[in-house]
Amino acid sequence: MQFLTAGDAPELRPGRRGVLHELVLALRDLADITVFAVGDTDQSVYGFTGADAKYLTELADRADFRDLELEVNYRSGQDIITAAEAALGLSRGRLAREGAPSGDVNLEQVEGRLADHARVTRDLVEQAQNKGISHERIAILYPARGRLLDEVRSELTRRQLNFRHEGDDKLPVGSLSRFVQRCASRAVTNYQIHTASGADRADMLRRTQAPSLASLARAFTTLRTEAQLAPSSSRLFVPRALQLCLDPDELYPAEAPALAWLEQLRAGLALDEIAAGHPDQDNTSSLDRLAALCRSKDFLLQDLARRGSHREGTARHLPRSQGPRVRHRDPAGPPSGPHSA
């Protein structure tokens, strides 16, 4: 092995990341392999579980690693980037991609106790709704769980404003449940692409993070094999069945009820046969539990899709605005100086 690549390095928990860190160092020192680690030390989606970027920073500080810092942020507008750097208390000098909308940042100063902050938050949510902004496009970011979060939830409940908290409505575990969620993500993306304008459609096709039809077909075939079901009569059967379910002639809107879509998916792909014969106990009842949750919580298709997207079941408490840093070990020796990309 000549190369080792580690992506999203700051996202792993201390226990797992510590083991990987030691493995990386051992492979570098003993086998002289090239190590390529990518991550953003200013953010950690799994920070609330203890993920830490210090291991990535340690690699960058070594004399036999070269640190390549990326300056262009392709996710956010310049105003969002500037506000995020202010929140971090660090000036990184990040730049938005050319032509990116700047974004809107409005500051609200609050004097008083946490309850006053919660009331202002509630008022801002109501103002957004009055402007016609839909519920799923409103997010309240907070630094950590505690009294402030409790106050905000209390205010939203008191004013009968519907919301979902990060720990609410957990979906069933198991590979079959994950497959359904990933199918929902693909279906929502297909709908968004079909209904987008020409220019936006091309950009969405380039940037989509939804699972591909091929990856879903492989997952579906694996589930059927594990359930000891007979293979399909044709190698094209699975892709065609998925295409009919996820990209039908009559599009299924993202804000449509998830229960009806789930029932169509169960019937179209004969998922109950997989559930009945699968050896994993989590899979035997996951479809019924998914249906019950969709029914009791009035889930929309996009609610299932969020959990099946690229980062499943995560909550971001800080804006994802900082560009990634690239750590590259140069087998030829110490770096000659910093490089930008």
C-alpha atoms as a PDB file:
ATOM      1  CA  MET A   1       0.000   0.000   0.000  1.00  0.00           C
ATOM      2  CA  GLN A   2       1.435   3.350  -1.058  1.00  0.00           C
ATOM      3  CA  PHE A   3      -1.330   5.800  -0.155  1.00  0.00           C
ATOM      4  CA  LEU A   4      -3.744   6.285   2.765  1.00  0.00           C
ATOM      5  CA  THR A   5      -6.614   8.763   2.434  1.00  0.00           C
ATOM      6  CA  ALA A   6      -8.745   9.981   5.370  1.00  0.00           C
ATOM      7  CA  GLY A   7     -11.757  12.166   4.564  1.00  0.00           C
ATOM      8  CA  ASP A   8     -13.754  14.307   7.037  1.00  0.00           C
ATOM      9  CA  ALA A   9     -11.028  13.573   9.556  1.00  0.00           C
ATOM     10  CA  PRO A  10     -12.367  15.876  12.323  1.00  0.00           C
ATOM     11  CA  GLU A  11     -15.733  14.067  12.395  1.00  0.00           C
ATOM     12  CA  LEU A  12     -14.727  10.896  14.233  1.00  0.00           C
ATOM     13  CA  ARG A  13     -15.075  10.369  17.979  1.00  0.00           C
ATOM     14  CA  PRO A  14     -12.027  10.384  20.238  1.00  0.00           C
ATOM     15  CA  GLY A  15     -11.977   6.615  20.784  1.00  0.00           C
ATOM     16  CA  ARG A  16     -12.200   5.696  17.130  1.00  0.00           C
ATOM     17  CA  ARG A  17     -10.151   8.660  15.924  1.00  0.00           C
ATOM     18  CA  GLY A  18      -7.416   7.941  18.458  1.00  0.00           C
ATOM     19  CA  VAL A  19      -7.019   4.424  17.097  1.00  0.00           C
ATOM     20  CA  LEU A  20      -7.002   5.687  13.511  1.00  0.00           C
ATOM     21  CA  HIS A  21      -4.484   8.384  14.405  1.00  0.00           C
ATOM     22  CA  GLU A  22      -2.085   5.836  15.854  1.00  0.00           C
ATOM     23  CA  LEU A  23      -2.597   3.628  12.797  1.00  0.00           C
ATOM     24  CA  VAL A  24      -1.829   6.536  10.468  1.00  0.00           C
ATOM     25  CA  LEU A  25       1.369   7.355  12.357  1.00  0.00           C
ATOM     26  CA  ALA A  26       2.461   3.730  12.423  1.00  0.00           C
ATOM     27  CA  LEU A  27       1.905   3.288   8.691  1.00  0.00           C
ATOM     28  CA  ARG A  28       3.772   6.508   7.977  1.00  0.00           C
ATOM     29  CA  ASP A  29       6.728   5.828  10.265  1.00  0.00           C
ATOM     30  CA  LEU A  30       7.078   2.099   9.641  1.00  0.00           C
ATOM     31  CA  ALA A  31       5.888   1.672   6.048  1.00  0.00           C
ATOM     32  CA  ASP A  32       6.747   5.125   4.640  1.00  0.00           C
ATOM     33  CA  ILE A  33       3.358   5.467   2.956  1.00  0.00           C
ATOM     34  CA  THR A  34       1.892   8.742   1.704  1.00  0.00           C
ATOM     35  CA  VAL A  35      -0.912  10.055   3.932  1.00  0.00           C
ATOM     36  CA  PHE A  36      -3.582  12.399   2.573  1.00  0.00           C
ATOM     37  CA  ALA A  37      -6.020  13.703   5.229  1.00  0.00           C
ATOM     38  CA  VAL A  38      -8.829  16.169   4.507  1.00  0.00           C
ATOM     39  CA  GLY A  39     -10.989  18.072   6.991  1.00  0.00           C
ATOM     40  CA  ASP A  40     -12.114  21.384   8.396  1.00  0.00           C
ATOM     41  CA  THR A  41     -10.739  22.215  11.823  1.00  0.00           C
ATOM     42  CA  ASP A  42     -13.330  24.966  12.284  1.00  0.00           C
ATOM     43  CA  GLN A  43     -16.305  22.638  12.182  1.00  0.00           C
ATOM     44  CA  SER A  44     -17.289  19.221  13.382  1.00  0.00           C
ATOM     45  CA  VAL A  45     -20.767  17.950  12.625  1.00  0.00           C
ATOM     46  CA  TYR A  46     -20.373  15.326  15.367  1.00  0.00           C
ATOM     47  CA  GLY A  47     -18.894  17.753  17.888  1.00  0.00           C
ATOM     48  CA  PHE A  48     -21.788  17.093  20.246  1.00  0.00           C
ATOM     49  CA  THR A  49     -20.617  13.455  20.484  1.00  0.00           C
ATOM     50  CA  GLY A  50     -17.028  14.410  21.278  1.00  0.00           C
ATOM     51  CA  ALA A  51     -15.477  14.565  17.808  1.00  0.00           C
ATOM     52  CA  ASP A  52     -12.263  16.565  17.882  1.00  0.00           C
ATOM     53  CA  ALA A  53     -10.101  18.057  15.123  1.00  0.00           C
ATOM     54  CA  LYS A  54      -6.942  17.999  17.236  1.00  0.00           C
ATOM     55  CA  TYR A  55      -5.599  14.872  15.524  1.00  0.00           C
ATOM     56  CA  LEU A  56      -5.802  16.551  12.134  1.00  0.00           C
ATOM     57  CA  THR A  57      -4.022  19.597  13.553  1.00  0.00           C
ATOM     58  CA  GLU A  58      -1.302  17.368  14.975  1.00  0.00           C
ATOM     59  CA  LEU A  59      -0.638  15.970  11.507  1.00  0.00           C
ATOM     60  CA  ALA A  60      -0.412  19.479  10.058  1.00  0.00           C
ATOM     61  CA  ASP A  61       2.108  20.472  12.723  1.00  0.00           C
ATOM     62  CA  ARG A  62       4.502  17.647  11.878  1.00  0.00           C
ATOM     63  CA  ALA A  63       7.596  18.604   9.903  1.00  0.00           C
ATOM     64  CA  ASP A  64       7.096  15.781   7.390  1.00  0.00           C
ATOM     65  CA  PHE A  65       3.549  16.856   6.473  1.00  0.00           C
ATOM     66  CA  ARG A  66       2.603  19.672   4.138  1.00  0.00           C
ATOM     67  CA  ASP A  67      -0.420  21.833   5.023  1.00  0.00           C
ATOM     68  CA  LEU A  68      -2.532  22.991   2.062  1.00  0.00           C
ATOM     69  CA  GLU A  69      -5.197  25.484   3.111  1.00  0.00           C
ATOM     70  CA  LEU A  70      -8.159  26.016   0.788  1.00  0.00           C
ATOM     71  CA  GLU A  71      -9.345  29.614   0.566  1.00  0.00           C
ATOM     72  CA  VAL A  72     -12.537  29.343  -1.515  1.00  0.00           C
ATOM     73  CA  ASN A  73     -15.751  28.312   0.230  1.00  0.00           C
ATOM     74  CA  TYR A  74     -18.223  26.725  -2.181  1.00  0.00           C
ATOM     75  CA  ARG A  75     -21.060  26.343   0.354  1.00  0.00           C
ATOM     76  CA  SER A  76     -21.838  29.875   1.548  1.00  0.00           C
ATOM     77  CA  GLY A  77     -22.061  33.501   0.467  1.00  0.00           C
ATOM     78  CA  GLN A  78     -19.524  36.083   1.597  1.00  0.00           C
ATOM     79  CA  ASP A  79     -21.765  37.692   4.242  1.00  0.00           C
ATOM     80  CA  ILE A  80     -22.440  34.263   5.774  1.00  0.00           C
ATOM     81  CA  ILE A  81     -18.717  33.490   5.771  1.00  0.00           C
ATOM     82  CA  THR A  82     -17.878  36.789   7.458  1.00  0.00           C
ATOM     83  CA  ALA A  83     -20.537  36.250  10.133  1.00  0.00           C
ATOM     84  CA  ALA A  84     -19.293  32.705  10.780  1.00  0.00           C
ATOM     85  CA  GLU A  85     -15.716  33.895  11.180  1.00  0.00           C
ATOM     86  CA  ALA A  86     -16.944  36.500  13.664  1.00  0.00           C
ATOM     87  CA  ALA A  87     -18.770  33.780  15.606  1.00  0.00           C
ATOM     88  CA  LEU A  88     -15.626  31.654  15.652  1.00  0.00           C
ATOM     89  CA  GLY A  89     -13.509  34.627  16.719  1.00  0.00           C
ATOM     90  CA  LEU A  90     -10.983  33.771  13.995  1.00  0.00           C
ATOM     91  CA  SER A  91     -10.316  35.582  10.748  1.00  0.00           C
ATOM     92  CA  ARG A  92      -9.527  32.969   8.115  1.00  0.00           C
ATOM     93  CA  GLY A  93      -9.882  35.212   5.081  1.00  0.00           C
ATOM     94  CA  ARG A  94     -12.171  32.739   3.334  1.00  0.00           C
ATOM     95  CA  LEU A  95     -13.732  33.790   0.027  1.00  0.00           C
ATOM     96  CA  ALA A  96     -17.033  32.741  -1.472  1.00  0.00           C
ATOM     97  CA  ARG A  97     -17.084  31.155  -4.902  1.00  0.00           C
ATOM     98  CA  GLU A  98     -17.420  33.544  -7.811  1.00  0.00           C
ATOM     99  CA  GLY A  99     -21.022  34.535  -8.440  1.00  0.00           C
ATOM    100  CA  ALA A 100     -22.348  33.136  -5.155  1.00  0.00           C
ATOM    101  CA  PRO A 101     -25.200  35.126  -3.530  1.00  0.00           C
ATOM    102  CA  SER A 102     -23.880  37.018  -0.520  1.00  0.00           C
ATOM    103  CA  GLY A 103     -26.615  35.828   1.844  1.00  0.00           C
ATOM    104  CA  ASP A 104     -28.497  37.895   4.429  1.00  0.00           C
ATOM    105  CA  VAL A 105     -27.300  38.422   7.997  1.00  0.00           C
ATOM    106  CA  ASN A 106     -29.455  40.449  10.417  1.00  0.00           C
ATOM    107  CA  LEU A 107     -28.341  40.993  14.012  1.00  0.00           C
ATOM    108  CA  GLU A 108     -30.830  41.124  16.888  1.00  0.00           C
ATOM    109  CA  GLN A 109     -29.540  42.439  20.201  1.00  0.00           C
ATOM    110  CA  VAL A 110     -31.243  41.026  23.286  1.00  0.00           C
ATOM    111  CA  GLU A 111     -30.917  42.334  26.807  1.00  0.00           C
ATOM    112  CA  GLY A 112     -32.178  40.304  29.703  1.00  0.00           C
ATOM    113  CA  ARG A 113     -32.336  36.704  30.791  1.00  0.00           C
ATOM    114  CA  LEU A 114     -32.458  33.495  28.757  1.00  0.00           C
ATOM    115  CA  ALA A 115     -36.238  33.691  28.674  1.00  0.00           C
ATOM    116  CA  ASP A 116     -35.943  37.026  26.846  1.00  0.00           C
ATOM    117  CA  HIS A 117     -33.645  35.450  24.273  1.00  0.00           C
ATOM    118  CA  ALA A 118     -36.177  32.660  23.808  1.00  0.00           C
ATOM    119  CA  ARG A 119     -39.020  35.133  23.265  1.00  0.00           C
ATOM    120  CA  VAL A 120     -37.044  37.010  20.617  1.00  0.00           C
ATOM    121  CA  THR A 121     -36.274  33.706  18.921  1.00  0.00           C
ATOM    122  CA  ARG A 122     -39.964  32.828  18.918  1.00  0.00           C
ATOM    123  CA  ASP A 123     -40.831  36.234  17.438  1.00  0.00           C
ATOM    124  CA  LEU A 124     -38.290  35.770  14.640  1.00  0.00           C
ATOM    125  CA  VAL A 125     -39.775  32.372  13.804  1.00  0.00           C
ATOM    126  CA  GLU A 126     -43.256  33.887  13.608  1.00  0.00           C
ATOM    127  CA  GLN A 127     -41.961  36.725  11.417  1.00  0.00           C
ATOM    128  CA  ALA A 128     -40.429  34.213   9.035  1.00  0.00           C
ATOM    129  CA  GLN A 129     -43.685  32.268   8.844  1.00  0.00           C
ATOM    130  CA  ASN A 130     -45.636  35.462   8.189  1.00  0.00           C
ATOM    131  CA  LYS A 131     -43.334  36.097   5.220  1.00  0.00           C
ATOM    132  CA  GLY A 132     -44.377  32.762   3.764  1.00  0.00           C
ATOM    133  CA  ILE A 133     -41.219  30.843   4.676  1.00  0.00           C
ATOM    134  CA  SER A 134     -42.163  27.192   5.169  1.00  0.00           C
ATOM    135  CA  HIS A 135     -41.430  25.354   8.420  1.00  0.00           C
ATOM    136  CA  GLU A 136     -38.744  23.093   6.987  1.00  0.00           C
ATOM    137  CA  ARG A 137     -36.696  26.122   5.893  1.00  0.00           C
ATOM    138  CA  ILE A 138     -36.492  27.586   9.396  1.00  0.00           C
ATOM    139  CA  ALA A 139     -33.692  26.407  11.689  1.00  0.00           C
ATOM    140  CA  ILE A 140     -32.745  27.510  15.189  1.00  0.00           C
ATOM    141  CA  LEU A 141     -29.036  26.980  15.887  1.00  0.00           C
ATOM    142  CA  TYR A 142     -27.746  26.826  19.439  1.00  0.00           C
ATOM    143  CA  PRO A 143     -24.316  26.177  20.988  1.00  0.00           C
ATOM    144  CA  ALA A 144     -25.302  23.305  23.297  1.00  0.00           C
ATOM    145  CA  ARG A 145     -28.174  21.693  25.123  1.00  0.00           C
ATOM    146  CA  GLY A 146     -29.183  23.365  28.346  1.00  0.00           C
ATOM    147  CA  ARG A 147     -31.417  26.072  29.775  1.00  0.00           C
ATOM    148  CA  LEU A 148     -31.462  28.209  26.628  1.00  0.00           C
ATOM    149  CA  LEU A 149     -32.706  25.315  24.518  1.00  0.00           C
ATOM    150  CA  ASP A 150     -35.301  24.458  27.174  1.00  0.00           C
ATOM    151  CA  GLU A 151     -36.547  28.049  27.175  1.00  0.00           C
ATOM    152  CA  VAL A 152     -36.776  28.163  23.375  1.00  0.00           C
ATOM    153  CA  ARG A 153     -38.698  24.890  23.214  1.00  0.00           C
ATOM    154  CA  SER A 154     -41.034  26.135  25.940  1.00  0.00           C
ATOM    155  CA  GLU A 155     -41.750  29.367  24.046  1.00  0.00           C
ATOM    156  CA  LEU A 156     -42.412  27.568  20.765  1.00  0.00           C
ATOM    157  CA  THR A 157     -44.743  25.129  22.521  1.00  0.00           C
ATOM    158  CA  ARG A 158     -46.585  27.900  24.360  1.00  0.00           C
ATOM    159  CA  ARG A 159     -47.332  29.679  21.077  1.00  0.00           C
ATOM    160  CA  GLN A 160     -48.315  26.372  19.450  1.00  0.00           C
ATOM    161  CA  LEU A 161     -45.563  26.590  16.851  1.00  0.00           C
ATOM    162  CA  ASN A 162     -44.828  23.143  15.452  1.00  0.00           C
ATOM    163  CA  PHE A 163     -41.178  22.136  15.528  1.00  0.00           C
ATOM    164  CA  ARG A 164     -38.964  19.081  15.539  1.00  0.00           C
ATOM    165  CA  HIS A 165     -36.049  18.821  17.889  1.00  0.00           C
ATOM    166  CA  GLU A 166     -32.894  16.897  16.911  1.00  0.00           C
ATOM    167  CA  GLY A 167     -33.685  14.055  19.291  1.00  0.00           C
ATOM    168  CA  ASP A 168     -37.349  13.733  18.319  1.00  0.00           C
ATOM    169  CA  ASP A 169     -38.914  11.168  16.039  1.00  0.00           C
ATOM    170  CA  LYS A 170     -35.980   8.809  15.752  1.00  0.00           C
ATOM    171  CA  LEU A 171     -36.473   6.435  12.868  1.00  0.00           C
ATOM    172  CA  PRO A 172     -36.007   2.676  13.205  1.00  0.00           C
ATOM    173  CA  VAL A 173     -32.474   1.353  12.844  1.00  0.00           C
ATOM    174  CA  GLY A 174     -31.394  -1.397  10.483  1.00  0.00           C
ATOM    175  CA  SER A 175     -30.259  -1.686   6.877  1.00  0.00           C
ATOM    176  CA  LEU A 176     -33.817  -1.891   5.502  1.00  0.00           C
ATOM    177  CA  SER A 177     -34.871   1.322   7.251  1.00  0.00           C
ATOM    178  CA  ARG A 178     -31.728   3.056   5.999  1.00  0.00           C
ATOM    179  CA  PHE A 179     -32.492   1.857   2.473  1.00  0.00           C
ATOM    180  CA  VAL A 180     -35.990   3.388   2.630  1.00  0.00           C
ATOM    181  CA  GLN A 181     -34.572   6.683   3.902  1.00  0.00           C
ATOM    182  CA  ARG A 182     -31.993   6.781   1.109  1.00  0.00           C
ATOM    183  CA  CYS A 183     -34.742   6.079  -1.426  1.00  0.00           C
ATOM    184  CA  ALA A 184     -36.669   9.039  -0.008  1.00  0.00           C
ATOM    185  CA  SER A 185     -33.605  11.227  -0.442  1.00  0.00           C
ATOM    186  CA  ARG A 186     -33.312  10.136  -4.074  1.00  0.00           C
ATOM    187  CA  ALA A 187     -37.036  10.718  -4.706  1.00  0.00           C
ATOM    188  CA  VAL A 188     -36.950  14.242  -3.238  1.00  0.00           C
ATOM    189  CA  THR A 189     -33.855  15.112  -5.260  1.00  0.00           C
ATOM    190  CA  ASN A 190     -35.499  13.845  -8.454  1.00  0.00           C
ATOM    191  CA  TYR A 191     -38.532  16.013  -7.752  1.00  0.00           C
ATOM    192  CA  GLN A 192     -36.397  19.089  -7.064  1.00  0.00           C
ATOM    193  CA  ILE A 193     -34.357  18.572 -10.232  1.00  0.00           C
ATOM    194  CA  HIS A 194     -37.425  18.098 -12.437  1.00  0.00           C
ATOM    195  CA  THR A 195     -39.142  21.215 -11.073  1.00  0.00           C
ATOM    196  CA  ALA A 196     -36.040  23.462 -11.135  1.00  0.00           C
ATOM    197  CA  SER A 197     -35.234  25.969 -13.863  1.00  0.00           C
ATOM    198  CA  GLY A 198     -32.753  25.016 -16.554  1.00  0.00           C
ATOM    199  CA  ALA A 199     -29.739  26.749 -14.997  1.00  0.00           C
ATOM    200  CA  ASP A 200     -30.543  25.545 -11.490  1.00  0.00           C
ATOM    201  CA  ARG A 201     -31.149  22.006 -12.748  1.00  0.00           C
ATOM    202  CA  ALA A 202     -27.663  21.740 -14.206  1.00  0.00           C
ATOM    203  CA  ASP A 203     -26.116  23.001 -10.965  1.00  0.00           C
ATOM    204  CA  MET A 204     -28.196  20.566  -8.885  1.00  0.00           C
ATOM    205  CA  LEU A 205     -27.150  17.643 -11.069  1.00  0.00           C
ATOM    206  CA  ARG A 206     -23.500  18.511 -10.437  1.00  0.00           C
ATOM    207  CA  ARG A 207     -23.831  19.030  -6.711  1.00  0.00           C
ATOM    208  CA  THR A 208     -26.418  16.490  -5.594  1.00  0.00           C
ATOM    209  CA  GLN A 209     -25.463  14.342  -2.616  1.00  0.00           C
ATOM    210  CA  ALA A 210     -28.427  11.991  -2.897  1.00  0.00           C
ATOM    211  CA  PRO A 211     -27.561   8.312  -3.424  1.00  0.00           C
ATOM    212  CA  SER A 212     -27.371   7.212  -7.038  1.00  0.00           C
ATOM    213  CA  LEU A 213     -29.731   4.705  -8.588  1.00  0.00           C
ATOM    214  CA  ALA A 214     -26.808   2.295  -9.000  1.00  0.00           C
ATOM    215  CA  SER A 215     -25.884   2.431  -5.306  1.00  0.00           C
ATOM    216  CA  LEU A 216     -29.524   1.890  -4.321  1.00  0.00           C
ATOM    217  CA  ALA A 217     -29.747  -1.059  -6.698  1.00  0.00           C
ATOM    218  CA  ARG A 218     -26.691  -2.636  -5.085  1.00  0.00           C
ATOM    219  CA  ALA A 219     -28.129  -2.110  -1.589  1.00  0.00           C
ATOM    220  CA  PHE A 220     -31.478  -3.576  -2.646  1.00  0.00           C
ATOM    221  CA  THR A 221     -29.819  -6.635  -4.192  1.00  0.00           C
ATOM    222  CA  THR A 222     -27.804  -7.170  -1.005  1.00  0.00           C
ATOM    223  CA  LEU A 223     -30.952  -7.002   1.123  1.00  0.00           C
ATOM    224  CA  ARG A 224     -32.686  -9.595  -1.075  1.00  0.00           C
ATOM    225  CA  THR A 225     -29.650 -11.872  -0.958  1.00  0.00           C
ATOM    226  CA  GLU A 226     -29.456 -11.617   2.829  1.00  0.00           C
ATOM    227  CA  ALA A 227     -33.160 -12.481   3.006  1.00  0.00           C
ATOM    228  CA  GLN A 228     -32.436 -15.563   0.870  1.00  0.00           C
ATOM    229  CA  LEU A 229     -34.798 -14.463  -1.883  1.00  0.00           C
ATOM    230  CA  ALA A 230     -34.374 -15.630  -5.456  1.00  0.00           C
ATOM    231  CA  PRO A 231     -32.339 -13.321  -7.683  1.00  0.00           C
ATOM    232  CA  SER A 232     -34.146 -11.163 -10.240  1.00  0.00           C
ATOM    233  CA  SER A 233     -34.862 -12.728 -13.604  1.00  0.00           C
ATOM    234  CA  SER A 234     -33.141  -9.849 -15.386  1.00  0.00           C
ATOM    235  CA  ARG A 235     -30.212  -7.659 -14.361  1.00  0.00           C
ATOM    236  CA  LEU A 236     -32.274  -4.656 -15.464  1.00  0.00           C
ATOM    237  CA  PHE A 237     -35.243  -5.522 -13.251  1.00  0.00           C
ATOM    238  CA  VAL A 238     -33.948  -3.791 -10.102  1.00  0.00           C
ATOM    239  CA  PRO A 239     -32.881  -0.496 -11.768  1.00  0.00           C
ATOM    240  CA  ARG A 240     -36.209  -0.335 -13.616  1.00  0.00           C
ATOM    241  CA  ALA A 241     -38.219  -1.023 -10.472  1.00  0.00           C
ATOM    242  CA  LEU A 242     -36.316   1.667  -8.584  1.00  0.00           C
ATOM    243  CA  GLN A 243     -36.764   4.102 -11.470  1.00  0.00           C
ATOM    244  CA  LEU A 244     -40.537   3.561 -11.447  1.00  0.00           C
ATOM    245  CA  CYS A 245     -40.724   4.070  -7.679  1.00  0.00           C
ATOM    246  CA  LEU A 246     -38.339   7.008  -7.281  1.00  0.00           C
ATOM    247  CA  ASP A 247     -38.737   8.891 -10.556  1.00  0.00           C
ATOM    248  CA  PRO A 248     -42.298   8.189 -11.776  1.00  0.00           C
ATOM    249  CA  ASP A 249     -44.028  10.037 -14.602  1.00  0.00           C
ATOM    250  CA  GLU A 250     -46.286  11.706 -12.040  1.00  0.00           C
ATOM    251  CA  LEU A 251     -43.829  13.299  -9.623  1.00  0.00           C
ATOM    252  CA  TYR A 252     -44.319  12.898  -5.899  1.00  0.00           C
ATOM    253  CA  PRO A 253     -43.730  16.317  -4.219  1.00  0.00           C
ATOM    254  CA  ALA A 254     -41.273  16.602  -1.355  1.00  0.00           C
ATOM    255  CA  GLU A 255     -43.984  18.077   0.882  1.00  0.00           C
ATOM    256  CA  ALA A 256     -46.435  15.235   0.186  1.00  0.00           C
ATOM    257  CA  PRO A 257     -47.312  12.741   2.973  1.00  0.00           C
ATOM    258  CA  ALA A 258     -44.579  10.194   3.532  1.00  0.00           C
ATOM    259  CA  LEU A 259     -46.987   7.380   4.436  1.00  0.00           C
ATOM    260  CA  ALA A 260     -48.544   7.114   0.967  1.00  0.00           C
ATOM    261  CA  TRP A 261     -45.087   7.171  -0.659  1.00  0.00           C
ATOM    262  CA  LEU A 262     -43.830   4.497   1.760  1.00  0.00           C
ATOM    263  CA  GLU A 263     -46.760   2.200   0.981  1.00  0.00           C
ATOM    264  CA  GLN A 264     -46.081   2.585  -2.754  1.00  0.00           C
ATOM    265  CA  LEU A 265     -42.403   1.776  -2.207  1.00  0.00           C
ATOM    266  CA  ARG A 266     -43.234  -1.297  -0.112  1.00  0.00           C
ATOM    267  CA  ALA A 267     -45.513  -2.649  -2.810  1.00  0.00           C
ATOM    268  CA  GLY A 268     -43.356  -1.670  -5.790  1.00  0.00           C
ATOM    269  CA  LEU A 269     -40.194  -3.286  -4.429  1.00  0.00           C
ATOM    270  CA  ALA A 270     -41.847  -6.072  -2.404  1.00  0.00           C
ATOM    271  CA  LEU A 271     -40.011  -4.854   0.688  1.00  0.00           C
ATOM    272  CA  ASP A 272     -42.210  -6.881   3.038  1.00  0.00           C
ATOM    273  CA  GLU A 273     -40.751 -10.055   1.557  1.00  0.00           C
ATOM    274  CA  ILE A 274     -37.306  -8.837   2.542  1.00  0.00           C
ATOM    275  CA  ALA A 275     -38.487  -7.902   6.045  1.00  0.00           C
ATOM    276  CA  ALA A 276     -40.066 -11.324   6.556  1.00  0.00           C
ATOM    277  CA  GLY A 277     -36.990 -13.283   5.528  1.00  0.00           C
ATOM    278  CA  HIS A 278     -34.141 -11.075   6.687  1.00  0.00           C
ATOM    279  CA  PRO A 279     -31.978 -12.491   9.517  1.00  0.00           C
ATOM    280  CA  ASP A 280     -31.413  -9.051  11.065  1.00  0.00           C
ATOM    281  CA  GLN A 281     -34.040  -8.579  13.773  1.00  0.00           C
ATOM    282  CA  ASP A 282     -33.992  -4.805  13.255  1.00  0.00           C
ATOM    283  CA  ASN A 283     -35.282  -5.307   9.713  1.00  0.00           C
ATOM    284  CA  THR A 284     -38.219  -7.588  10.464  1.00  0.00           C
ATOM    285  CA  SER A 285     -40.372  -4.851  11.977  1.00  0.00           C
ATOM    286  CA  SER A 286     -38.762  -1.681  10.638  1.00  0.00           C
ATOM    287  CA  LEU A 287     -41.289  -1.143   7.825  1.00  0.00           C
ATOM    288  CA  ASP A 288     -44.265  -1.301  10.168  1.00  0.00           C
ATOM    289  CA  ARG A 289     -42.538   1.003  12.645  1.00  0.00           C
ATOM    290  CA  LEU A 290     -41.690   3.456   9.869  1.00  0.00           C
ATOM    291  CA  ALA A 291     -45.304   3.458   8.739  1.00  0.00           C
ATOM    292  CA  ALA A 292     -46.550   3.983  12.299  1.00  0.00           C
ATOM    293  CA  LEU A 293     -44.184   6.907  12.795  1.00  0.00           C
ATOM    294  CA  CYS A 294     -45.184   8.498   9.481  1.00  0.00           C
ATOM    295  CA  ARG A 295     -48.827   8.134  10.487  1.00  0.00           C
ATOM    296  CA  SER A 296     -48.527   9.434  14.057  1.00  0.00           C
ATOM    297  CA  LYS A 297     -46.175  12.334  13.241  1.00  0.00           C
ATOM    298  CA  ASP A 298     -47.673  13.288   9.856  1.00  0.00           C
ATOM    299  CA  PHE A 299     -44.256  12.927   8.262  1.00  0.00           C
ATOM    300  CA  LEU A 300     -43.668  14.421   4.848  1.00  0.00           C
ATOM    301  CA  LEU A 301     -41.475  12.722   2.269  1.00  0.00           C
ATOM    302  CA  GLN A 302     -38.750  15.299   2.904  1.00  0.00           C
ATOM    303  CA  ASP A 303     -38.710  14.294   6.593  1.00  0.00           C
ATOM    304  CA  LEU A 304     -37.608  10.803   5.584  1.00  0.00           C
ATOM    305  CA  ALA A 305     -35.241  12.239   2.999  1.00  0.00           C
ATOM    306  CA  ARG A 306     -33.353  14.382   5.526  1.00  0.00           C
ATOM    307  CA  ARG A 307     -32.418  11.289   7.455  1.00  0.00           C
ATOM    308  CA  GLY A 308     -31.322   9.485   4.310  1.00  0.00           C
ATOM    309  CA  SER A 309     -29.159  12.263   2.924  1.00  0.00           C
ATOM    310  CA  HIS A 310     -25.362  12.370   2.836  1.00  0.00           C
ATOM    311  CA  ARG A 311     -25.064  12.988   6.595  1.00  0.00           C
ATOM    312  CA  GLU A 312     -27.790  10.933   8.190  1.00  0.00           C
ATOM    313  CA  GLY A 313     -29.382  12.025  11.434  1.00  0.00           C
ATOM    314  CA  THR A 314     -26.998  14.835  12.258  1.00  0.00           C
ATOM    315  CA  ALA A 315     -27.681  18.304  13.572  1.00  0.00           C
ATOM    316  CA  ARG A 316     -25.402  21.219  12.844  1.00  0.00           C
ATOM    317  CA  HIS A 317     -25.118  23.816  15.584  1.00  0.00           C
ATOM    318  CA  LEU A 318     -22.787  26.205  13.741  1.00  0.00           C
ATOM    319  CA  PRO A 319     -22.911  27.368  10.114  1.00  0.00           C
ATOM    320  CA  ARG A 320     -20.982  25.183   7.715  1.00  0.00           C
ATOM    321  CA  SER A 321     -19.107  28.096   6.274  1.00  0.00           C
ATOM    322  CA  GLN A 322     -15.425  27.433   6.699  1.00  0.00           C
ATOM    323  CA  GLY A 323     -13.471  25.890   3.869  1.00  0.00           C
ATOM    324  CA  PRO A 324     -11.710  22.558   4.346  1.00  0.00           C
ATOM    325  CA  ARG A 325      -8.034  22.161   5.055  1.00  0.00           C
ATOM    326  CA  VAL A 326      -5.959  19.583   3.275  1.00  0.00           C
ATOM    327  CA  ARG A 327      -3.158  17.778   5.074  1.00  0.00           C
ATOM    328  CA  HIS A 328      -0.733  16.041   2.771  1.00  0.00           C
ATOM    329  CA  ARG A 329       2.340  14.163   3.786  1.00  0.00           C
ATOM    330  CA  ASP A 330       5.125  14.678   1.288  1.00  0.00           C
ATOM    331  CA  PRO A 331       7.268  11.498   1.157  1.00  0.00           C
ATOM    332  CA  ALA A 332      10.127  13.571  -0.275  1.00  0.00           C
ATOM    333  CA  GLY A 333      10.633  15.399   2.977  1.00  0.00           C
ATOM    334  CA  PRO A 334       9.594  18.512   4.941  1.00  0.00           C
ATOM    335  CA  PRO A 335       7.498  21.150   3.211  1.00  0.00           C
ATOM    336  CA  SER A 336       9.046  24.193   1.628  1.00  0.00           C
ATOM    337  CA  GLY A 337       6.246  26.434   2.884  1.00  0.00           C
ATOM    338  CA  PRO A 338       2.469  26.823   2.988  1.00  0.00           C
ATOM    339  CA  HIS A 339       0.465  26.387  -0.184  1.00  0.00           C
ATOM    340  CA  SER A 340      -3.013  27.574  -1.108  1.00  0.00           C
ATOM    341  CA  ALA A 341      -5.500  25.941  -3.419  1.00  0.00           C
END
